[in-house]
Amino acid sequence: MSNIVVVYVLDKPVVATRPSQGAMGGEERHVRKVHAAPTAPGEPAATGPRTLCGKETLVMETGPRITERPGAPWYPARYTSVVCPDCDAVIET
């Protein structure tokens, strides 16, 4: 499983028409979906072109490399509610 990485689909950034008071630059975008993707062939630091469920990774943010930990999920626990069920099924088999 060391050749698999977590990738995130993030909310689209909101483009303000005018600056608002209290709005700070660099706000964190929310994770909409968590997928698993293989690394690119011959480039272990790069994500491959598609997730395990077949979605394109081009617009996704790369997360941590998946490591096997007995009893632990492959994704960060705080994203349990947004894990792709298809990617999860592939990882579990």
C-alpha atoms as a PDB file:
ATOM      1  CA  MET A   1       0.000   0.000   0.000  1.00  0.00           C
ATOM      2  CA  SER A   2       3.029   2.295   0.084  1.00  0.00           C
ATOM      3  CA  ASN A   3       2.401   3.287  -3.538  1.00  0.00           C
ATOM      4  CA  ILE A   4      -1.005   4.782  -2.697  1.00  0.00           C
ATOM      5  CA  VAL A   5      -1.646   8.371  -1.586  1.00  0.00           C
ATOM      6  CA  VAL A   6      -4.655  10.200  -0.162  1.00  0.00           C
ATOM      7  CA  VAL A   7      -6.080  12.923  -2.432  1.00  0.00           C
ATOM      8  CA  TYR A   8      -8.696  15.528  -1.579  1.00  0.00           C
ATOM      9  CA  VAL A   9     -11.469  17.195  -3.547  1.00  0.00           C
ATOM     10  CA  LEU A  10     -11.724  20.680  -2.050  1.00  0.00           C
ATOM     11  CA  ASP A  11     -14.503  23.262  -2.124  1.00  0.00           C
ATOM     12  CA  LYS A  12     -14.020  25.828  -4.839  1.00  0.00           C
ATOM     13  CA  PRO A  13     -12.551  29.060  -3.492  1.00  0.00           C
ATOM     14  CA  VAL A  14     -15.001  31.877  -3.091  1.00  0.00           C
ATOM     15  CA  VAL A  15     -14.073  34.907  -5.165  1.00  0.00           C
ATOM     16  CA  ALA A  16     -15.092  38.102  -3.397  1.00  0.00           C
ATOM     17  CA  THR A  17     -16.271  40.968  -5.590  1.00  0.00           C
ATOM     18  CA  ARG A  18     -14.918  43.395  -3.027  1.00  0.00           C
ATOM     19  CA  PRO A  19     -12.839  42.858   0.100  1.00  0.00           C
ATOM     20  CA  SER A  20     -14.890  42.389   3.227  1.00  0.00           C
ATOM     21  CA  GLN A  21     -13.786  43.393   6.659  1.00  0.00           C
ATOM     22  CA  GLY A  22     -12.657  40.426   8.686  1.00  0.00           C
ATOM     23  CA  ALA A  23     -11.997  38.257   5.640  1.00  0.00           C
ATOM     24  CA  MET A  24      -8.517  36.860   5.762  1.00  0.00           C
ATOM     25  CA  GLY A  25      -6.496  35.637   2.836  1.00  0.00           C
ATOM     26  CA  GLY A  26      -5.397  32.012   2.815  1.00  0.00           C
ATOM     27  CA  GLU A  27      -8.563  30.609   4.374  1.00  0.00           C
ATOM     28  CA  GLU A  28      -8.622  26.827   4.479  1.00  0.00           C
ATOM     29  CA  ARG A  29     -10.902  25.251   1.886  1.00  0.00           C
ATOM     30  CA  HIS A  30     -13.141  22.448   3.129  1.00  0.00           C
ATOM     31  CA  VAL A  31     -12.600  18.872   1.997  1.00  0.00           C
ATOM     32  CA  ARG A  32     -15.606  17.638   0.008  1.00  0.00           C
ATOM     33  CA  LYS A  33     -14.369  14.111  -0.738  1.00  0.00           C
ATOM     34  CA  VAL A  34     -11.374  11.918   0.139  1.00  0.00           C
ATOM     35  CA  HIS A  35     -10.036   9.483  -2.476  1.00  0.00           C
ATOM     36  CA  ALA A  36      -7.081   7.126  -2.783  1.00  0.00           C
ATOM     37  CA  ALA A  37      -4.790   7.211  -5.825  1.00  0.00           C
ATOM     38  CA  PRO A  38      -1.713   5.287  -6.933  1.00  0.00           C
ATOM     39  CA  THR A  39       1.551   7.131  -7.363  1.00  0.00           C
ATOM     40  CA  ALA A  40       2.685   7.897 -10.896  1.00  0.00           C
ATOM     41  CA  PRO A  41       4.736   5.127 -12.533  1.00  0.00           C
ATOM     42  CA  GLY A  42       8.417   5.780 -11.929  1.00  0.00           C
ATOM     43  CA  GLU A  43       7.660   8.906  -9.870  1.00  0.00           C
ATOM     44  CA  PRO A  44       6.859   7.897  -6.284  1.00  0.00           C
ATOM     45  CA  ALA A  45       6.492  11.554  -5.232  1.00  0.00           C
ATOM     46  CA  ALA A  46       3.797  12.255  -7.862  1.00  0.00           C
ATOM     47  CA  THR A  47       0.150  11.210  -7.882  1.00  0.00           C
ATOM     48  CA  GLY A  48      -1.053   9.110 -10.783  1.00  0.00           C
ATOM     49  CA  PRO A  49      -3.678  10.451 -13.204  1.00  0.00           C
ATOM     50  CA  ARG A  50      -6.705   8.671 -11.671  1.00  0.00           C
ATOM     51  CA  THR A  51      -8.012   7.630  -8.271  1.00  0.00           C
ATOM     52  CA  LEU A  52      -8.766   4.007  -7.444  1.00  0.00           C
ATOM     53  CA  CYS A  53     -12.414   4.713  -8.335  1.00  0.00           C
ATOM     54  CA  GLY A  54     -11.471   6.241 -11.715  1.00  0.00           C
ATOM     55  CA  LYS A  55     -11.758   9.999 -11.051  1.00  0.00           C
ATOM     56  CA  GLU A  56      -9.118  12.356 -12.491  1.00  0.00           C
ATOM     57  CA  THR A  57      -6.612  13.611  -9.901  1.00  0.00           C
ATOM     58  CA  LEU A  58      -5.590  16.726 -11.823  1.00  0.00           C
ATOM     59  CA  VAL A  59      -7.667  19.140  -9.711  1.00  0.00           C
ATOM     60  CA  MET A  60      -7.256  17.260  -6.417  1.00  0.00           C
ATOM     61  CA  GLU A  61      -4.898  18.161  -3.590  1.00  0.00           C
ATOM     62  CA  THR A  62      -2.363  15.503  -2.633  1.00  0.00           C
ATOM     63  CA  GLY A  63      -2.378  14.343   0.959  1.00  0.00           C
ATOM     64  CA  PRO A  64      -0.264  11.838   2.875  1.00  0.00           C
ATOM     65  CA  ARG A  65       1.072   8.567   1.549  1.00  0.00           C
ATOM     66  CA  ILE A  66      -0.999   5.656   2.847  1.00  0.00           C
ATOM     67  CA  THR A  67       0.751   3.478   5.398  1.00  0.00           C
ATOM     68  CA  GLU A  68      -0.530   0.208   6.737  1.00  0.00           C
ATOM     69  CA  ARG A  69      -1.423   0.432  10.404  1.00  0.00           C
ATOM     70  CA  PRO A  70      -3.387  -2.515  11.787  1.00  0.00           C
ATOM     71  CA  GLY A  71      -6.889  -1.418  12.747  1.00  0.00           C
ATOM     72  CA  ALA A  72      -6.403   2.165  11.516  1.00  0.00           C
ATOM     73  CA  PRO A  73      -8.173   3.642   8.489  1.00  0.00           C
ATOM     74  CA  TRP A  74      -6.166   4.610   5.392  1.00  0.00           C
ATOM     75  CA  TYR A  75      -7.558   8.159   5.508  1.00  0.00           C
ATOM     76  CA  PRO A  76      -7.288  10.828   8.213  1.00  0.00           C
ATOM     77  CA  ALA A  77     -10.010  10.060  10.785  1.00  0.00           C
ATOM     78  CA  ARG A  78     -11.453  13.574  10.671  1.00  0.00           C
ATOM     79  CA  TYR A  79     -12.612  12.904   7.086  1.00  0.00           C
ATOM     80  CA  THR A  80     -14.516   9.662   7.766  1.00  0.00           C
ATOM     81  CA  SER A  81     -17.819  11.163   6.624  1.00  0.00           C
ATOM     82  CA  VAL A  82     -16.485  12.183   3.188  1.00  0.00           C
ATOM     83  CA  VAL A  83     -14.451   9.111   2.189  1.00  0.00           C
ATOM     84  CA  CYS A  84     -15.175   7.779  -1.293  1.00  0.00           C
ATOM     85  CA  PRO A  85     -16.889   4.411  -0.734  1.00  0.00           C
ATOM     86  CA  ASP A  86     -15.505   3.020  -4.000  1.00  0.00           C
ATOM     87  CA  CYS A  87     -11.880   3.872  -3.126  1.00  0.00           C
ATOM     88  CA  ASP A  88     -12.460   2.481   0.374  1.00  0.00           C
ATOM     89  CA  ALA A  89     -13.766  -0.792  -1.053  1.00  0.00           C
ATOM     90  CA  VAL A  90     -10.679  -1.167  -3.277  1.00  0.00           C
ATOM     91  CA  ILE A  91      -8.334  -0.499  -0.343  1.00  0.00           C
ATOM     92  CA  GLU A  92     -10.182  -2.969   1.900  1.00  0.00           C
ATOM     93  CA  THR A  93      -9.872  -5.859  -0.582  1.00  0.00           C
END
